[in-house]
């Protein structure tokens, strides 16, 4: 017999882990950007997620985690002195879950 509370806890743990890993990968990916110099000191980052359809809820959680990490990085001076600007894109998944 499955224990419903345990399943919910595991789902939340996996979701939290996914959000944390996504944010870490996003921020960690900018470690070597000190070589490229732009006049406006802004890096545009695209986030392509299924904001519609069966995975929309999870996509919102991932987006929120990424935006939180980016806001925190920008508040501390950006990444290698560059501010991060986010461009959101819905990948068009339209199937309902």
PDB file of N, CA and C in Angstrom:
ATOM      1  N   UNK A   1       0.843  -1.184   0.000  1.00  0.00           N
ATOM      2  CA  UNK A   1       0.000   0.000   0.000  1.00  0.00           C
ATOM      3  C   UNK A   1       0.886   1.243   0.000  1.00  0.00           C
ATOM      4  N   UNK A   2       0.572   2.166  -0.877  1.00  0.00           N
ATOM      5  CA  UNK A   2       1.357   3.396  -0.962  1.00  0.00           C
ATOM      6  C   UNK A   2       0.917   4.372   0.114  1.00  0.00           C
ATOM      7  N   UNK A   3       1.858   5.118   0.587  1.00  0.00           N
ATOM      8  CA  UNK A   3       1.583   6.119   1.618  1.00  0.00           C
ATOM      9  C   UNK A   3       1.487   7.477   0.934  1.00  0.00           C
ATOM     10  N   UNK A   4       0.276   8.111   0.881  1.00  0.00           N
ATOM     11  CA  UNK A   4       0.101   9.354   0.118  1.00  0.00           C
ATOM     12  C   UNK A   4       0.993  10.498   0.565  1.00  0.00           C
ATOM     13  N   UNK A   5       1.226  10.635   1.860  1.00  0.00           N
ATOM     14  CA  UNK A   5       2.065  11.726   2.349  1.00  0.00           C
ATOM     15  C   UNK A   5       3.492  11.575   1.843  1.00  0.00           C
ATOM     16  N   UNK A   6       3.980  10.359   1.831  1.00  0.00           N
ATOM     17  CA  UNK A   6       5.340  10.108   1.367  1.00  0.00           C
ATOM     18  C   UNK A   6       5.473  10.437  -0.118  1.00  0.00           C
ATOM     19  N   UNK A   7       4.465  10.067  -0.924  1.00  0.00           N
ATOM     20  CA  UNK A   7       4.514  10.372  -2.356  1.00  0.00           C
ATOM     21  C   UNK A   7       4.544  11.874  -2.595  1.00  0.00           C
ATOM     22  N   UNK A   8       3.743  12.622  -1.868  1.00  0.00           N
ATOM     23  CA  UNK A   8       3.727  14.077  -2.010  1.00  0.00           C
ATOM     24  C   UNK A   8       5.075  14.653  -1.616  1.00  0.00           C
ATOM     25  N   UNK A   9       5.646  14.141  -0.524  1.00  0.00           N
ATOM     26  CA  UNK A   9       6.963  14.598  -0.085  1.00  0.00           C
ATOM     27  C   UNK A   9       8.032  14.327  -1.123  1.00  0.00           C
ATOM     28  N   UNK A  10       7.990  13.140  -1.733  1.00  0.00           N
ATOM     29  CA  UNK A  10       8.960  12.813  -2.776  1.00  0.00           C
ATOM     30  C   UNK A  10       8.776  13.706  -3.994  1.00  0.00           C
ATOM     31  N   UNK A  11       7.529  13.970  -4.374  1.00  0.00           N
ATOM     32  CA  UNK A  11       7.271  14.824  -5.527  1.00  0.00           C
ATOM     33  C   UNK A  11       7.791  16.232  -5.275  1.00  0.00           C
ATOM     34  N   UNK A  12       7.532  16.765  -4.085  1.00  0.00           N
ATOM     35  CA  UNK A  12       8.016  18.100  -3.762  1.00  0.00           C
ATOM     36  C   UNK A  12       9.536  18.125  -3.712  1.00  0.00           C
ATOM     37  N   UNK A  13      10.139  17.066  -3.190  1.00  0.00           N
ATOM     38  CA  UNK A  13      11.593  17.011  -3.126  1.00  0.00           C
ATOM     39  C   UNK A  13      12.195  16.983  -4.526  1.00  0.00           C
ATOM     40  N   UNK A  14      11.612  16.192  -5.407  1.00  0.00           N
ATOM     41  CA  UNK A  14      12.119  16.131  -6.785  1.00  0.00           C
ATOM     42  C   UNK A  14      11.946  17.477  -7.475  1.00  0.00           C
ATOM     43  N   UNK A  15      10.799  18.098  -7.256  1.00  0.00           N
ATOM     44  CA  UNK A  15      10.527  19.396  -7.871  1.00  0.00           C
ATOM     45  C   UNK A  15      11.516  20.436  -7.350  1.00  0.00           C
ATOM     46  N   UNK A  16      11.744  20.445  -6.043  1.00  0.00           N
ATOM     47  CA  UNK A  16      12.700  21.389  -5.458  1.00  0.00           C
ATOM     48  C   UNK A  16      14.099  21.149  -6.002  1.00  0.00           C
ATOM     49  N   UNK A  17      14.464  19.882  -6.128  1.00  0.00           N
ATOM     50  CA  UNK A  17      15.775  19.543  -6.669  1.00  0.00           C
ATOM     51  C   UNK A  17      15.898  20.021  -8.114  1.00  0.00           C
ATOM     52  N   UNK A  18      14.856  19.805  -8.903  1.00  0.00           N
ATOM     53  CA  UNK A  18      14.877  20.231 -10.299  1.00  0.00           C
ATOM     54  C   UNK A  18      15.028  21.740 -10.417  1.00  0.00           C
ATOM     55  N   UNK A  19      14.297  22.468  -9.597  1.00  0.00           N
ATOM     56  CA  UNK A  19      14.388  23.927  -9.620  1.00  0.00           C
ATOM     57  C   UNK A  19      15.783  24.380  -9.218  1.00  0.00           C
ATOM     58  N   UNK A  20      16.314  23.795  -8.157  1.00  0.00           N
ATOM     59  CA  UNK A  20      17.648  24.177  -7.683  1.00  0.00           C
ATOM     60  C   UNK A  20      18.719  23.876  -8.722  1.00  0.00           C
ATOM     61  N   UNK A  21      18.641  22.688  -9.324  1.00  0.00           N
ATOM     62  CA  UNK A  21      19.637  22.320 -10.331  1.00  0.00           C
ATOM     63  C   UNK A  21      19.535  23.208 -11.569  1.00  0.00           C
ATOM     64  N   UNK A  22      18.313  23.547 -11.959  1.00  0.00           N
ATOM     65  CA  UNK A  22      18.137  24.429 -13.121  1.00  0.00           C
ATOM     66  C   UNK A  22      18.749  25.798 -12.863  1.00  0.00           C
ATOM     67  N   UNK A  23      18.479  26.333 -11.690  1.00  0.00           N
ATOM     68  CA  UNK A  23      19.024  27.646 -11.349  1.00  0.00           C
ATOM     69  C   UNK A  23      20.549  27.596 -11.264  1.00  0.00           C
ATOM     70  N   UNK A  24      21.081  26.540 -10.651  1.00  0.00           N
ATOM     71  CA  UNK A  24      22.533  26.411 -10.526  1.00  0.00           C
ATOM     72  C   UNK A  24      23.191  26.275 -11.900  1.00  0.00           C
ATOM     73  N   UNK A  25      22.578  25.494 -12.782  1.00  0.00           N
ATOM     74  CA  UNK A  25      23.131  25.325 -14.126  1.00  0.00           C
ATOM     75  C   UNK A  25      23.095  26.635 -14.900  1.00  0.00           C
ATOM     76  N   UNK A  26      22.008  27.364 -14.726  1.00  0.00           N
ATOM     77  CA  UNK A  26      21.871  28.643 -15.415  1.00  0.00           C
ATOM     78  C   UNK A  26      22.939  29.628 -14.959  1.00  0.00           C
ATOM     79  N   UNK A  27      23.100  29.768 -13.662  1.00  0.00           N
ATOM     80  CA  UNK A  27      24.089  30.701 -13.122  1.00  0.00           C
ATOM     81  C   UNK A  27      25.507  30.183 -13.360  1.00  0.00           C
ATOM     82  N   UNK A  28      25.733  28.889 -13.155  1.00  0.00           N
ATOM     83  CA  UNK A  28      27.059  28.309 -13.341  1.00  0.00           C
ATOM     84  C   UNK A  28      27.546  28.396 -14.772  1.00  0.00           C
ATOM     85  N   UNK A  29      26.622  28.430 -15.711  1.00  0.00           N
ATOM     86  CA  UNK A  29      26.988  28.506 -17.119  1.00  0.00           C
ATOM     87  C   UNK A  29      27.625  29.826 -17.511  1.00  0.00           C
ATOM     88  N   UNK A  30      27.541  30.823 -16.646  1.00  0.00           N
ATOM     89  CA  UNK A  30      28.087  32.139 -16.957  1.00  0.00           C
ATOM     90  C   UNK A  30      29.477  32.364 -16.364  1.00  0.00           C
ATOM     91  N   UNK A  31      30.080  31.349 -15.821  1.00  0.00           N
ATOM     92  CA  UNK A  31      31.348  31.509 -15.113  1.00  0.00           C
ATOM     93  C   UNK A  31      32.458  32.084 -15.995  1.00  0.00           C
ATOM     94  N   UNK A  32      32.509  31.720 -17.267  1.00  0.00           N
ATOM     95  CA  UNK A  32      33.594  32.178 -18.128  1.00  0.00           C
ATOM     96  C   UNK A  32      33.261  33.363 -19.004  1.00  0.00           C
ATOM     97  N   UNK A  33      32.235  34.101 -18.686  1.00  0.00           N
ATOM     98  CA  UNK A  33      31.822  35.190 -19.561  1.00  0.00           C
ATOM     99  C   UNK A  33      32.641  36.464 -19.410  1.00  0.00           C
ATOM    100  N   UNK A  34      33.637  36.456 -18.562  1.00  0.00           N
ATOM    101  CA  UNK A  34      34.458  37.642 -18.389  1.00  0.00           C
ATOM    102  C   UNK A  34      35.259  37.992 -19.635  1.00  0.00           C
ATOM    103  N   UNK A  35      35.400  37.058 -20.563  1.00  0.00           N
ATOM    104  CA  UNK A  35      36.169  37.308 -21.777  1.00  0.00           C
ATOM    105  C   UNK A  35      35.411  38.169 -22.783  1.00  0.00           C
ATOM    106  N   UNK A  36      34.118  38.015 -22.841  1.00  0.00           N
ATOM    107  CA  UNK A  36      33.318  38.776 -23.809  1.00  0.00           C
ATOM    108  C   UNK A  36      32.888  40.089 -23.181  1.00  0.00           C
ATOM    109  N   UNK A  37      33.188  41.185 -23.842  1.00  0.00           N
ATOM    110  CA  UNK A  37      32.844  42.508 -23.309  1.00  0.00           C
ATOM    111  C   UNK A  37      31.784  43.158 -24.192  1.00  0.00           C
ATOM    112  N   UNK A  38      30.694  43.573 -23.584  1.00  0.00           N
ATOM    113  CA  UNK A  38      29.634  44.273 -24.317  1.00  0.00           C
ATOM    114  C   UNK A  38      29.554  45.693 -23.794  1.00  0.00           C
ATOM    115  N   UNK A  39      29.168  46.617 -24.663  1.00  0.00           N
ATOM    116  CA  UNK A  39      29.104  48.022 -24.276  1.00  0.00           C
ATOM    117  C   UNK A  39      28.082  48.262 -23.174  1.00  0.00           C
ATOM    118  N   UNK A  40      26.952  47.566 -23.212  1.00  0.00           N
ATOM    119  CA  UNK A  40      25.908  47.822 -22.224  1.00  0.00           C
ATOM    120  C   UNK A  40      26.032  46.941 -20.981  1.00  0.00           C
ATOM    121  N   UNK A  41      26.985  46.044 -20.951  1.00  0.00           N
ATOM    122  CA  UNK A  41      27.237  45.172 -19.798  1.00  0.00           C
ATOM    123  C   UNK A  41      25.989  44.375 -19.404  1.00  0.00           C
ATOM    124  N   UNK A  42      25.236  43.895 -20.396  1.00  0.00           N
ATOM    125  CA  UNK A  42      24.045  43.092 -20.161  1.00  0.00           C
ATOM    126  C   UNK A  42      24.142  41.802 -20.960  1.00  0.00           C
ATOM    127  N   UNK A  43      23.788  40.711 -20.322  1.00  0.00           N
ATOM    128  CA  UNK A  43      23.725  39.418 -20.991  1.00  0.00           C
ATOM    129  C   UNK A  43      22.254  39.038 -21.094  1.00  0.00           C
ATOM    130  N   UNK A  44      21.804  38.742 -22.307  1.00  0.00           N
ATOM    131  CA  UNK A  44      20.428  38.293 -22.496  1.00  0.00           C
ATOM    132  C   UNK A  44      20.412  36.771 -22.458  1.00  0.00           C
ATOM    133  N   UNK A  45      19.537  36.234 -21.600  1.00  0.00           N
ATOM    134  CA  UNK A  45      19.428  34.790 -21.426  1.00  0.00           C
ATOM    135  C   UNK A  45      18.015  34.367 -21.789  1.00  0.00           C
ATOM    136  N   UNK A  46      17.890  33.399 -22.681  1.00  0.00           N
ATOM    137  CA  UNK A  46      16.582  32.873 -23.049  1.00  0.00           C
ATOM    138  C   UNK A  46      16.226  31.668 -22.199  1.00  0.00           C
ATOM    139  N   UNK A  47      15.001  31.645 -21.726  1.00  0.00           N
ATOM    140  CA  UNK A  47      14.483  30.491 -20.990  1.00  0.00           C
ATOM    141  C   UNK A  47      13.312  29.955 -21.800  1.00  0.00           C
ATOM    142  N   UNK A  48      13.483  28.762 -22.363  1.00  0.00           N
ATOM    143  CA  UNK A  48      12.490  28.130 -23.220  1.00  0.00           C
ATOM    144  C   UNK A  48      11.863  26.969 -22.453  1.00  0.00           C
ATOM    145  N   UNK A  49      10.616  27.144 -22.039  1.00  0.00           N
ATOM    146  CA  UNK A  49       9.921  26.134 -21.240  1.00  0.00           C
ATOM    147  C   UNK A  49       8.489  25.973 -21.730  1.00  0.00           C
ATOM    148  N   UNK A  50       7.849  24.841 -21.406  1.00  0.00           N
ATOM    149  CA  UNK A  50       6.455  24.623 -21.812  1.00  0.00           C
ATOM    150  C   UNK A  50       5.477  25.323 -20.865  1.00  0.00           C
ATOM    151  N   UNK A  51       5.258  26.618 -21.057  1.00  0.00           N
ATOM    152  CA  UNK A  51       4.367  27.376 -20.181  1.00  0.00           C
ATOM    153  C   UNK A  51       2.897  27.065 -20.430  1.00  0.00           C
ATOM    154  N   UNK A  52       2.603  26.328 -21.500  1.00  0.00           N
ATOM    155  CA  UNK A  52       1.245  25.867 -21.768  1.00  0.00           C
ATOM    156  C   UNK A  52       1.258  24.349 -21.841  1.00  0.00           C
ATOM    157  N   UNK A  53       0.126  23.737 -21.550  1.00  0.00           N
ATOM    158  CA  UNK A  53       0.015  22.288 -21.662  1.00  0.00           C
ATOM    159  C   UNK A  53       0.259  21.565 -20.356  1.00  0.00           C
ATOM    160  N   UNK A  54       0.518  20.279 -20.474  1.00  0.00           N
ATOM    161  CA  UNK A  54       0.608  19.381 -19.321  1.00  0.00           C
ATOM    162  C   UNK A  54       1.737  19.742 -18.356  1.00  0.00           C
ATOM    163  N   UNK A  55       2.801  20.319 -18.844  1.00  0.00           N
ATOM    164  CA  UNK A  55       3.958  20.617 -17.996  1.00  0.00           C
ATOM    165  C   UNK A  55       4.024  22.075 -17.554  1.00  0.00           C
ATOM    166  N   UNK A  56       2.946  22.813 -17.743  1.00  0.00           N
ATOM    167  CA  UNK A  56       2.948  24.252 -17.451  1.00  0.00           C
ATOM    168  C   UNK A  56       3.259  24.552 -15.988  1.00  0.00           C
ATOM    169  N   UNK A  57       2.704  23.765 -15.067  1.00  0.00           N
ATOM    170  CA  UNK A  57       2.940  24.029 -13.642  1.00  0.00           C
ATOM    171  C   UNK A  57       4.424  23.877 -13.301  1.00  0.00           C
ATOM    172  N   UNK A  58       5.024  22.788 -13.761  1.00  0.00           N
ATOM    173  CA  UNK A  58       6.450  22.575 -13.495  1.00  0.00           C
ATOM    174  C   UNK A  58       7.301  23.649 -14.169  1.00  0.00           C
ATOM    175  N   UNK A  59       6.904  24.071 -15.366  1.00  0.00           N
ATOM    176  CA  UNK A  59       7.644  25.122 -16.071  1.00  0.00           C
ATOM    177  C   UNK A  59       7.623  26.424 -15.281  1.00  0.00           C
ATOM    178  N   UNK A  60       6.484  26.747 -14.678  1.00  0.00           N
ATOM    179  CA  UNK A  60       6.385  27.961 -13.858  1.00  0.00           C
ATOM    180  C   UNK A  60       7.324  27.879 -12.657  1.00  0.00           C
ATOM    181  N   UNK A  61       7.402  26.698 -12.037  1.00  0.00           N
ATOM    182  CA  UNK A  61       8.294  26.533 -10.885  1.00  0.00           C
ATOM    183  C   UNK A  61       9.758  26.696 -11.294  1.00  0.00           C
ATOM    184  N   UNK A  62      10.112  26.117 -12.426  1.00  0.00           N
ATOM    185  CA  UNK A  62      11.491  26.242 -12.917  1.00  0.00           C
ATOM    186  C   UNK A  62      11.793  27.703 -13.242  1.00  0.00           C
ATOM    187  N   UNK A  63      10.845  28.362 -13.926  1.00  0.00           N
ATOM    188  CA  UNK A  63      11.018  29.782 -14.264  1.00  0.00           C
ATOM    189  C   UNK A  63      11.200  30.616 -13.002  1.00  0.00           C
ATOM    190  N   UNK A  64      10.347  30.373 -11.993  1.00  0.00           N
ATOM    191  CA  UNK A  64      10.440  31.138 -10.748  1.00  0.00           C
ATOM    192  C   UNK A  64      11.795  30.937 -10.072  1.00  0.00           C
ATOM    193  N   UNK A  65      12.294  29.697 -10.067  1.00  0.00           N
ATOM    194  CA  UNK A  65      13.606  29.425  -9.480  1.00  0.00           C
ATOM    195  C   UNK A  65      14.722  30.117 -10.237  1.00  0.00           C
ATOM    196  N   UNK A  66      14.650  30.075 -11.561  1.00  0.00           N
ATOM    197  CA  UNK A  66      15.676  30.727 -12.379  1.00  0.00           C
ATOM    198  C   UNK A  66      15.640  32.240 -12.192  1.00  0.00           C
ATOM    199  N   UNK A  67      14.432  32.826 -12.190  1.00  0.00           N
ATOM    200  CA  UNK A  67      14.319  34.278 -12.009  1.00  0.00           C
ATOM    201  C   UNK A  67      14.802  34.710 -10.630  1.00  0.00           C
ATOM    202  N   UNK A  68      14.529  33.900  -9.620  1.00  0.00           N
ATOM    203  CA  UNK A  68      15.018  34.208  -8.272  1.00  0.00           C
ATOM    204  C   UNK A  68      16.545  34.222  -8.256  1.00  0.00           C
ATOM    205  N   UNK A  69      17.154  33.199  -8.843  1.00  0.00           N
ATOM    206  CA  UNK A  69      18.618  33.130  -8.880  1.00  0.00           C
ATOM    207  C   UNK A  69      19.202  34.301  -9.672  1.00  0.00           C
ATOM    208  N   UNK A  70      18.574  34.649 -10.777  1.00  0.00           N
ATOM    209  CA  UNK A  70      19.057  35.763 -11.598  1.00  0.00           C
ATOM    210  C   UNK A  70      18.904  37.087 -10.862  1.00  0.00           C
ATOM    211  N   UNK A  71      17.767  37.280 -10.200  1.00  0.00           N
ATOM    212  CA  UNK A  71      17.565  38.507  -9.416  1.00  0.00           C
ATOM    213  C   UNK A  71      18.610  38.634  -8.315  1.00  0.00           C
ATOM    214  N   UNK A  72      18.916  37.514  -7.653  1.00  0.00           N
ATOM    215  CA  UNK A  72      19.932  37.540  -6.594  1.00  0.00           C
ATOM    216  C   UNK A  72      21.306  37.855  -7.174  1.00  0.00           C
ATOM    217  N   UNK A  73      21.622  37.261  -8.321  1.00  0.00           N
ATOM    218  CA  UNK A  73      22.917  37.533  -8.959  1.00  0.00           C
ATOM    219  C   UNK A  73      23.010  38.999  -9.376  1.00  0.00           C
ATOM    220  N   UNK A  74      21.949  39.528  -9.970  1.00  0.00           N
ATOM    221  CA  UNK A  74      21.944  40.938 -10.385  1.00  0.00           C
ATOM    222  C   UNK A  74      22.063  41.870  -9.186  1.00  0.00           C
ATOM    223  N   UNK A  75      21.431  41.512  -8.074  1.00  0.00           N
ATOM    224  CA  UNK A  75      21.494  42.340  -6.862  1.00  0.00           C
ATOM    225  C   UNK A  75      22.911  42.395  -6.292  1.00  0.00           C
ATOM    226  N   UNK A  76      23.716  41.367  -6.588  1.00  0.00           N
ATOM    227  CA  UNK A  76      25.096  41.329  -6.099  1.00  0.00           C
ATOM    228  C   UNK A  76      26.084  41.816  -7.158  1.00  0.00           C
ATOM    229  N   UNK A  77      25.595  42.529  -8.159  1.00  0.00           N
ATOM    230  CA  UNK A  77      26.496  43.085  -9.169  1.00  0.00           C
ATOM    231  C   UNK A  77      26.538  42.308 -10.462  1.00  0.00           C
ATOM    232  N   UNK A  78      25.711  41.296 -10.599  1.00  0.00           N
ATOM    233  CA  UNK A  78      25.674  40.519 -11.833  1.00  0.00           C
ATOM    234  C   UNK A  78      26.696  39.403 -11.843  1.00  0.00           C
ATOM    235  N   UNK A  79      26.965  38.897 -13.035  1.00  0.00           N
ATOM    236  CA  UNK A  79      27.931  37.817 -13.233  1.00  0.00           C
ATOM    237  C   UNK A  79      29.114  38.405 -13.985  1.00  0.00           C
ATOM    238  N   UNK A  80      30.271  38.395 -13.354  1.00  0.00           N
ATOM    239  CA  UNK A  80      31.485  38.992 -13.927  1.00  0.00           C
ATOM    240  C   UNK A  80      31.233  40.442 -14.331  1.00  0.00           C
ATOM    241  N   UNK A  81      30.395  41.140 -13.555  1.00  0.00           N
ATOM    242  CA  UNK A  81      30.103  42.536 -13.817  1.00  0.00           C
ATOM    243  C   UNK A  81      28.981  42.780 -14.812  1.00  0.00           C
ATOM    244  N   UNK A  82      28.412  41.735 -15.361  1.00  0.00           N
ATOM    245  CA  UNK A  82      27.321  41.851 -16.326  1.00  0.00           C
ATOM    246  C   UNK A  82      25.984  41.603 -15.645  1.00  0.00           C
ATOM    247  N   UNK A  83      25.000  42.439 -15.942  1.00  0.00           N
ATOM    248  CA  UNK A  83      23.633  42.205 -15.489  1.00  0.00           C
ATOM    249  C   UNK A  83      22.998  41.188 -16.431  1.00  0.00           C
ATOM    250  N   UNK A  84      22.090  40.381 -15.908  1.00  0.00           N
ATOM    251  CA  UNK A  84      21.421  39.364 -16.708  1.00  0.00           C
ATOM    252  C   UNK A  84      19.995  39.825 -17.003  1.00  0.00           C
ATOM    253  N   UNK A  85      19.637  39.787 -18.275  1.00  0.00           N
ATOM    254  CA  UNK A  85      18.275  40.106 -18.707  1.00  0.00           C
ATOM    255  C   UNK A  85      17.642  38.814 -19.221  1.00  0.00           C
ATOM    256  N   UNK A  86      16.429  38.520 -18.785  1.00  0.00           N
ATOM    257  CA  UNK A  86      15.767  37.262 -19.124  1.00  0.00           C
ATOM    258  C   UNK A  86      14.755  37.461 -20.247  1.00  0.00           C
ATOM    259  N   UNK A  87      14.799  36.554 -21.210  1.00  0.00           N
ATOM    260  CA  UNK A  87      13.810  36.501 -22.283  1.00  0.00           C
ATOM    261  C   UNK A  87      13.084  35.163 -22.148  1.00  0.00           C
ATOM    262  N   UNK A  88      11.782  35.188 -21.904  1.00  0.00           N
ATOM    263  CA  UNK A  88      11.002  33.967 -21.723  1.00  0.00           C
ATOM    264  C   UNK A  88      10.355  33.555 -23.043  1.00  0.00           C
ATOM    265  N   UNK A  89      10.370  32.255 -23.322  1.00  0.00           N
ATOM    266  CA  UNK A  89       9.758  31.727 -24.530  1.00  0.00           C
ATOM    267  C   UNK A  89       8.956  30.484 -24.182  1.00  0.00           C
ATOM    268  N   UNK A  90       7.702  30.451 -24.596  1.00  0.00           N
ATOM    269  CA  UNK A  90       6.855  29.278 -24.428  1.00  0.00           C
ATOM    270  C   UNK A  90       7.112  28.366 -25.619  1.00  0.00           C
ATOM    271  N   UNK A  91       7.516  27.129 -25.359  1.00  0.00           N
ATOM    272  CA  UNK A  91       7.847  26.236 -26.468  1.00  0.00           C
ATOM    273  C   UNK A  91       6.614  25.681 -27.178  1.00  0.00           C
ATOM    274  N   UNK A  92       5.427  26.111 -26.756  1.00  0.00           N
ATOM    275  CA  UNK A  92       4.221  25.791 -27.499  1.00  0.00           C
ATOM    276  C   UNK A  92       3.582  24.456 -27.199  1.00  0.00           C
ATOM    277  N   UNK A  93       3.963  23.784 -26.129  1.00  0.00           N
ATOM    278  CA  UNK A  93       3.312  22.533 -25.769  1.00  0.00           C
ATOM    279  C   UNK A  93       1.866  22.848 -25.424  1.00  0.00           C
ATOM    280  N   UNK A  94       0.943  22.329 -26.190  1.00  0.00           N
ATOM    281  CA  UNK A  94      -0.457  22.700 -25.998  1.00  0.00           C
ATOM    282  C   UNK A  94      -1.327  21.558 -25.486  1.00  0.00           C
ATOM    283  N   UNK A  95      -0.750  20.386 -25.293  1.00  0.00           N
ATOM    284  CA  UNK A  95      -1.560  19.265 -24.813  1.00  0.00           C
ATOM    285  C   UNK A  95      -1.906  19.433 -23.355  1.00  0.00           C
ATOM    286  N   UNK A  96      -3.135  19.233 -23.020  1.00  0.00           N
ATOM    287  CA  UNK A  96      -3.568  19.343 -21.618  1.00  0.00           C
ATOM    288  C   UNK A  96      -3.206  18.069 -20.883  1.00  0.00           C
ATOM    289  N   UNK A  97      -2.919  18.209 -19.580  1.00  0.00           N
ATOM    290  CA  UNK A  97      -2.501  17.060 -18.788  1.00  0.00           C
ATOM    291  C   UNK A  97      -3.543  16.431 -18.060  1.00  0.00           C
TER     292      UNK A  97
END
